[in-house]
Structure formats: C-alpha cells, structure tokens
Amino acid sequence: MSRGVGVTELLTELPTAVLVCFAVLTQLGDFWFVATASLLAYWLGSTTPWLGRGLTRERGAVLVGLVAAAAAVSLGLKAVFAFPRPSNAAVVSATAGLPWPVAPFYESVVSGRGYGFPSGHATSAVLSWGGFAWALRVGRRRQRYAVAAAAVAVISLSRLVLGVHYLVDVVAGAAIAAAVLWLALTRLRTPARLFAFVTVVGAIGVVAGGLTRDTAGAVGLGVGGLAAWSVLGSVPEPTRRGGVATAILGALWLAAVAAAVLVGPPDPVVGLLTAVGTAGALSLPLVGERVAKKA
C-alpha cells in the first residue's frame, strides 16, 4: 500500500476542469503567495485596509518568521526522508488539451519537483494561515481560525487532487506544522527567537541533505531574519504614506533579489542572497518612513 492509501489515485481521475481549479487554489499555500502576504502585513501593519486593525509590526515580523519556518521545516524533513512523489502522469497529460496561457501554468503546478514527504504546501498553509488567524484582529477569534482551517483543508486537498503528494505527506505536513505553530506562538513568541529556530532547522537540513539551493535558502531565511531583528530590536509602527512607500520599495527589492537568484549562482551564494534579501525586507520600513517624510 502506498503512502496515499489509495486516495491520491482516486482523486486524480477528476475532470480536467476540476484539476485546473485546484491548480489555482493550491497557490494559496505556495511559498510566493504566503511570503508576499506576510511581508505586506509586516510592511503595511495597521495601515492595511480593513485587515490591519491591531496588526503591529512585531506581529507582522512573526508572520514572516512563520513562513520562513515552514520552508525550513519542510525542506529539512524532505532532505532527511528523501521519499519520492507519486507518479501523476495522467494529471500532467491533461496539459495537452489546455489553451495558452493555462497550459504552461498548469504544467508548472502539477510537475512536482523534489521529494514528497512532508507536503510543503500543507506545512506552509498551517503556519501562514494559522499565523494570520493569530495576528489579525478582524472578526472573532473563532471565525478567523475557521477561515484558516478551511484554507488549510482546501490547500491540502489540492495537493492530493493534483497528484503531487500522497495522503500521508499532507497529513504529516499539517501535523508537524501545527506543532511548530504552537511552539512559535507559545514558547518562542518573539521574531528573534523564531528566526533563530529557523536558522537551527535550516542548518539541520544542510547536515542531513547536503548544501543545495533549497537548504542554503532555508538557512539564509533564518540568518537574515535573525541578523536584522537582532539589530533592529523593534520597528516603528507605520504611517499610511510610510507603509505604501515601504511596500513599493519592497516590491523593487524582492524583484532584484529574485532576479539575482534566478541567474543560477552557486548554492552558497543562494543562501547569501536569501539572507541579504530577508534582512533587507525586514529593514525596509525604516527607509520607507524616511522617504515618506521627505516626500
């Protein structure tokens, strides 16, 4: 019996239109999405429209740390276990009947790369959406966690429907992430401690799986965040203009870092770029507020 317990094989037989819908929904747990959402929450803070009530910069930094923790934990465990992904040839073959630009998007989503255990999307979903339920003050607490649970369920189901993970991968990823979320919010509590945790987990991933782009990037997330927050200590709460200026500068900064990584530098350089990118992203509010005052 596979790690899917037969579930993955059954779900991947759904119609192509359903598969494409889940390819879109799975983006809610993708690293690019949760990282962007957490950084915007940190940069804009309480000036975030509607959602920003009670959202402090420190809570925003914790959200960034939770996303970094999701990456470090999932990549580290993948390196330790090295379990393969399921074969989803039938799901991938559906690309042939799709129009452009749906076809290349769909193919990039369903062509799973790397190891399969645990599910990185399930891990990211629990830590990021659970983190937002903790950090925000919109609505009742029970409502926020209900939304987070629904998002986790949809994202986890999408990984099975698309055939890129087995059931055990998804369940284990969500369970491990829930334990890390509890540790982060009840024991670590501060951004500095959380980024220190990410650094340690990332280093364990390097020892277990060697220095790769993924493991180097995980260490970079922790080191960059720890260095920045240790120096900053705290960041002033944003003004409306300062938050907008920070977000604009942040978009330019991340684009530059991403372009540098996509060039294909050696693995150690990827770690360095990730560290610099993370440290810069956490430090940008100081620049953004100054720019807003001068403007």
Protein backbone atom coordinates (compact mmCIF):
# COMPACT_ATOMS: atom_id res chain seq x y z
CA MET A 1 0.00 0.00 0.00
CA SER A 2 1.40 3.41 -0.96
CA ARG A 3 1.61 6.45 1.30
CA GLY A 4 -1.55 7.67 -0.46
CA VAL A 5 -3.65 4.78 0.91
CA GLY A 6 -5.39 4.82 -2.46
CA VAL A 7 -6.74 8.36 -2.04
CA THR A 8 -4.37 10.11 -4.43
CA GLU A 9 -5.04 7.61 -7.22
CA LEU A 10 -8.79 8.12 -6.85
CA LEU A 11 -8.79 11.93 -6.78
CA THR A 12 -6.51 12.36 -9.79
CA GLU A 13 -9.22 10.88 -12.02
CA LEU A 14 -11.36 14.01 -11.71
CA PRO A 15 -12.21 16.05 -14.86
CA THR A 16 -9.56 18.38 -16.26
CA ALA A 17 -11.61 21.48 -15.42
CA VAL A 18 -11.60 20.47 -11.75
CA LEU A 19 -7.86 19.86 -11.86
CA VAL A 20 -7.25 23.34 -13.26
CA CYS A 21 -9.39 24.88 -10.50
CA PHE A 22 -7.34 23.10 -7.86
CA ALA A 23 -4.13 24.22 -9.60
CA VAL A 24 -5.30 27.77 -8.91
CA LEU A 25 -6.45 27.07 -5.34
CA THR A 26 -3.16 25.41 -4.42
CA GLN A 27 -1.43 28.78 -4.91
CA LEU A 28 -2.95 29.82 -1.57
CA GLY A 29 -0.31 27.66 0.09
CA ASP A 30 2.55 28.30 -2.30
CA PHE A 31 5.67 29.98 -0.93
CA TRP A 32 5.39 33.01 -3.23
CA PHE A 33 1.83 33.70 -2.04
CA VAL A 34 2.28 33.26 1.72
CA ALA A 35 5.63 35.07 1.65
CA THR A 36 4.13 38.04 -0.19
CA ALA A 37 1.12 38.15 2.13
CA SER A 38 3.26 38.05 5.28
CA LEU A 39 5.67 40.72 4.00
CA LEU A 40 2.80 43.03 3.06
CA ALA A 41 1.35 42.55 6.53
CA TYR A 42 4.72 43.47 8.01
CA TRP A 43 5.32 46.47 5.74
CA LEU A 44 1.81 47.93 5.96
CA GLY A 45 0.95 46.88 9.51
CA SER A 46 -2.03 48.67 10.97
CA THR A 47 -2.48 50.75 7.79
CA THR A 48 -3.55 47.63 5.87
CA PRO A 49 -7.10 48.27 4.60
CA TRP A 50 -9.73 46.51 6.72
CA LEU A 51 -7.42 43.70 7.88
CA GLY A 52 -4.89 45.93 9.61
CA ARG A 53 -6.73 46.66 12.85
CA GLY A 54 -4.40 45.76 15.73
CA LEU A 55 -1.71 44.42 13.39
CA THR A 56 1.61 45.56 14.84
CA ARG A 57 4.94 45.44 13.08
CA GLU A 58 6.20 42.84 15.54
CA ARG A 59 3.28 40.54 14.75
CA GLY A 60 3.97 41.08 11.08
CA ALA A 61 7.59 40.03 11.65
CA VAL A 62 6.35 36.87 13.37
CA LEU A 63 4.24 36.11 10.30
CA VAL A 64 7.35 36.43 8.12
CA GLY A 65 9.18 34.15 10.55
CA LEU A 66 6.40 31.55 10.36
CA VAL A 67 6.66 31.43 6.58
CA ALA A 68 10.43 31.03 6.90
CA ALA A 69 9.88 28.26 9.45
CA ALA A 70 7.53 26.45 7.06
CA ALA A 71 10.20 26.49 4.36
CA ALA A 72 12.99 25.37 6.69
CA VAL A 73 10.98 22.57 8.33
CA SER A 74 9.53 21.12 5.12
CA LEU A 75 12.80 21.32 3.15
CA GLY A 76 14.80 19.90 6.05
CA LEU A 77 12.49 16.93 6.51
CA LYS A 78 12.37 16.28 2.77
CA ALA A 79 16.15 16.04 2.83
CA VAL A 80 16.07 13.66 5.82
CA PHE A 81 13.45 11.22 4.49
CA ALA A 82 14.01 11.60 0.71
CA PHE A 83 10.66 9.96 -0.09
CA PRO A 84 9.62 10.27 -3.76
CA ARG A 85 6.44 11.90 -5.02
CA PRO A 86 3.66 9.83 -6.60
CA SER A 87 3.55 9.32 -10.34
CA ASN A 88 0.88 11.67 -11.72
CA ALA A 89 1.39 11.14 -15.43
CA ALA A 90 -2.36 11.24 -16.08
CA VAL A 91 -2.67 14.62 -14.40
CA VAL A 92 0.28 16.04 -16.32
CA SER A 93 -1.04 14.70 -19.63
CA ALA A 94 -4.13 16.90 -19.29
CA THR A 95 -1.88 19.82 -20.27
CA ALA A 96 -2.19 18.81 -23.94
CA GLY A 97 -5.84 19.82 -24.09
CA LEU A 98 -5.47 23.21 -22.40
CA PRO A 99 -5.15 26.59 -24.15
CA TRP A 100 -2.33 29.06 -23.65
CA PRO A 101 -1.58 30.52 -21.09
CA VAL A 102 -3.43 27.98 -18.93
CA ALA A 103 -1.32 25.07 -20.20
CA PRO A 104 2.15 26.30 -19.06
CA PHE A 105 0.74 27.46 -15.71
CA TYR A 106 -0.99 24.13 -15.12
CA GLU A 107 2.08 22.13 -16.15
CA SER A 108 4.33 24.09 -13.79
CA VAL A 109 1.96 23.37 -10.90
CA VAL A 110 1.41 19.64 -11.46
CA SER A 111 5.02 18.81 -12.37
CA GLY A 112 6.14 18.30 -8.79
CA ARG A 113 9.88 18.54 -8.21
CA GLY A 114 11.98 17.34 -5.31
CA TYR A 115 10.96 14.93 -2.58
CA GLY A 116 7.39 14.44 -1.43
CA PHE A 117 7.42 13.99 2.36
CA PRO A 118 6.17 16.07 4.04
CA SER A 119 3.99 18.33 1.91
CA GLY A 120 5.48 21.81 1.82
CA HIS A 121 2.14 23.35 0.88
CA ALA A 122 0.36 21.73 3.82
CA THR A 123 3.14 22.90 6.13
CA SER A 124 3.02 26.45 4.75
CA ALA A 125 -0.78 26.53 4.90
CA VAL A 126 -0.96 25.69 8.60
CA LEU A 127 1.85 28.03 9.65
CA SER A 128 0.89 31.00 7.47
CA TRP A 129 -2.90 30.86 7.64
CA GLY A 130 -2.78 29.86 11.30
CA GLY A 131 -0.37 32.72 11.89
CA PHE A 132 -2.71 35.20 10.25
CA ALA A 133 -5.60 33.91 12.38
CA TRP A 134 -3.45 34.66 15.44
CA ALA A 135 -2.09 38.03 14.28
CA LEU A 136 -5.20 39.70 12.91
CA ARG A 137 -7.99 41.22 14.97
CA VAL A 138 -10.77 41.26 12.37
CA GLY A 139 -13.90 39.42 13.43
CA ARG A 140 -14.00 36.90 16.23
CA ARG A 141 -11.13 34.59 17.01
CA ARG A 142 -13.23 31.52 16.26
CA GLN A 143 -14.14 32.93 12.85
CA ARG A 144 -10.53 33.64 11.96
CA TYR A 145 -9.41 30.14 12.85
CA ALA A 146 -12.38 28.66 10.96
CA VAL A 147 -11.26 30.52 7.83
CA ALA A 148 -7.70 29.31 8.38
CA ALA A 149 -8.85 25.71 8.82
CA ALA A 150 -10.91 25.90 5.63
CA ALA A 151 -7.93 27.27 3.70
CA VAL A 152 -5.67 24.51 5.06
CA ALA A 153 -8.24 21.87 4.06
CA VAL A 154 -8.60 23.21 0.50
CA ILE A 155 -4.84 23.56 0.00
CA SER A 156 -4.16 20.09 1.39
CA LEU A 157 -6.90 18.56 -0.78
CA SER A 158 -5.45 20.31 -3.84
CA ARG A 159 -2.11 18.52 -3.36
CA LEU A 160 -3.91 15.17 -3.50
CA VAL A 161 -6.14 16.10 -6.43
CA LEU A 162 -3.13 17.26 -8.45
CA GLY A 163 -1.31 14.04 -7.65
CA VAL A 164 1.85 15.70 -6.34
CA HIS A 165 1.60 14.22 -2.83
CA TYR A 166 0.35 11.16 -1.02
CA LEU A 167 -2.18 11.41 1.81
CA VAL A 168 0.50 10.67 4.44
CA ASP A 169 2.62 13.55 3.10
CA VAL A 170 -0.21 16.03 3.57
CA VAL A 171 -1.34 14.79 6.98
CA ALA A 172 2.21 14.69 8.31
CA GLY A 173 2.98 18.16 6.96
CA ALA A 174 -0.10 19.65 8.60
CA ALA A 175 0.54 17.87 11.93
CA ILE A 176 4.20 18.90 12.07
CA ALA A 177 3.30 22.46 11.16
CA ALA A 178 0.66 22.58 13.89
CA ALA A 179 3.31 21.58 16.44
CA VAL A 180 5.71 24.24 15.11
CA LEU A 181 2.93 26.85 15.21
CA TRP A 182 2.21 26.03 18.85
CA LEU A 183 5.94 26.24 19.67
CA ALA A 184 6.31 29.57 17.87
CA LEU A 185 3.30 31.27 19.44
CA THR A 186 3.53 29.91 22.97
CA ARG A 187 7.25 29.38 23.60
CA LEU A 188 9.37 31.34 21.11
CA ARG A 189 6.97 34.30 20.82
CA THR A 190 9.44 36.90 19.52
CA PRO A 191 10.70 37.34 15.93
CA ALA A 192 14.33 36.97 17.04
CA ARG A 193 13.72 33.61 18.70
CA LEU A 194 11.64 32.41 15.78
CA PHE A 195 14.33 33.29 13.23
CA ALA A 196 16.93 31.61 15.46
CA PHE A 197 14.76 28.48 15.35
CA VAL A 198 14.60 28.72 11.55
CA THR A 199 18.40 29.01 11.41
CA VAL A 200 18.88 25.87 13.51
CA VAL A 201 16.33 23.87 11.50
CA GLY A 202 17.88 25.07 8.25
CA ALA A 203 21.34 24.01 9.44
CA ILE A 204 20.00 20.55 10.30
CA GLY A 205 18.66 20.34 6.75
CA VAL A 206 22.11 21.12 5.38
CA VAL A 207 23.68 18.40 7.54
CA ALA A 208 21.02 15.87 6.54
CA GLY A 209 20.70 16.60 2.84
CA GLY A 210 23.87 18.48 1.96
CA LEU A 211 24.19 22.04 0.73
CA THR A 212 21.64 22.57 -2.05
CA ARG A 213 19.79 25.63 -3.32
CA ASP A 214 16.83 24.74 -1.10
CA THR A 215 18.75 24.05 2.10
CA ALA A 216 21.02 27.07 1.56
CA GLY A 217 17.95 29.24 1.05
CA ALA A 218 16.35 27.92 4.24
CA VAL A 219 19.44 28.82 6.26
CA GLY A 220 19.53 32.23 4.58
CA LEU A 221 15.96 32.95 5.64
CA GLY A 222 16.83 32.29 9.26
CA VAL A 223 20.20 34.04 9.33
CA GLY A 224 18.91 37.12 7.52
CA GLY A 225 15.87 37.44 9.76
CA LEU A 226 17.85 36.86 12.95
CA ALA A 227 20.55 39.37 12.00
CA ALA A 228 18.05 42.06 11.00
CA TRP A 229 15.78 41.75 14.01
CA SER A 230 18.68 41.48 16.45
CA VAL A 231 19.99 44.80 15.16
CA LEU A 232 16.61 46.49 14.79
CA GLY A 233 15.12 45.26 18.06
CA SER A 234 11.83 46.80 17.00
CA VAL A 235 10.46 48.84 14.12
CA PRO A 236 8.21 51.92 14.49
CA GLU A 237 4.58 51.45 13.59
CA PRO A 238 3.81 52.62 10.05
CA THR A 239 2.18 55.80 8.85
CA ARG A 240 -0.14 55.45 5.86
CA ARG A 241 2.31 57.06 3.45
CA GLY A 242 5.25 55.28 5.01
CA GLY A 243 3.57 51.90 4.66
CA VAL A 244 2.83 52.48 0.99
CA ALA A 245 6.39 53.69 0.34
CA THR A 246 7.76 50.62 2.12
CA ALA A 247 5.59 48.27 0.07
CA ILE A 248 6.74 49.87 -3.20
CA LEU A 249 10.40 49.71 -2.16
CA GLY A 250 9.83 46.14 -1.02
CA ALA A 251 8.48 45.06 -4.39
CA LEU A 252 11.55 46.51 -6.11
CA TRP A 253 13.87 44.94 -3.55
CA LEU A 254 12.35 41.45 -3.87
CA ALA A 255 12.38 41.67 -7.67
CA ALA A 256 16.10 42.45 -7.58
CA VAL A 257 16.85 39.58 -5.17
CA ALA A 258 14.70 37.13 -7.17
CA ALA A 259 16.46 38.13 -10.39
CA ALA A 260 19.84 37.54 -8.76
CA VAL A 261 18.76 34.07 -7.57
CA LEU A 262 17.25 33.10 -10.94
CA VAL A 263 20.57 33.76 -12.66
CA GLY A 264 21.69 30.46 -11.15
CA PRO A 265 24.53 31.33 -8.76
CA PRO A 266 26.33 28.61 -6.74
CA ASP A 267 24.37 27.17 -3.83
CA PRO A 268 26.28 29.05 -1.08
CA VAL A 269 25.60 32.31 -2.94
CA VAL A 270 21.88 31.47 -2.99
CA GLY A 271 22.00 31.27 0.80
CA LEU A 272 23.80 34.59 0.99
CA LEU A 273 21.33 36.28 -1.36
CA THR A 274 18.40 34.90 0.63
CA ALA A 275 19.91 36.18 3.88
CA VAL A 276 20.52 39.63 2.41
CA GLY A 277 17.05 39.67 0.89
CA THR A 278 15.36 38.74 4.16
CA ALA A 279 17.38 41.21 6.22
CA GLY A 280 16.68 43.97 3.71
CA ALA A 281 12.96 43.22 3.62
CA LEU A 282 12.73 43.47 7.42
CA SER A 283 14.75 46.71 7.46
CA LEU A 284 12.84 48.49 4.67
CA PRO A 285 10.23 50.14 6.93
CA LEU A 286 12.95 52.44 8.28
CA VAL A 287 13.74 53.57 4.74
CA GLY A 288 10.10 53.77 3.69
CA GLU A 289 9.12 56.04 6.57
CA ARG A 290 12.06 58.34 5.88
CA VAL A 291 11.19 58.52 2.19
CA ALA A 292 7.58 59.32 3.05
CA LYS A 293 8.61 62.16 5.35
CA LYS A 294 10.84 63.71 2.72
CA ALA A 295 8.15 63.38 0.08
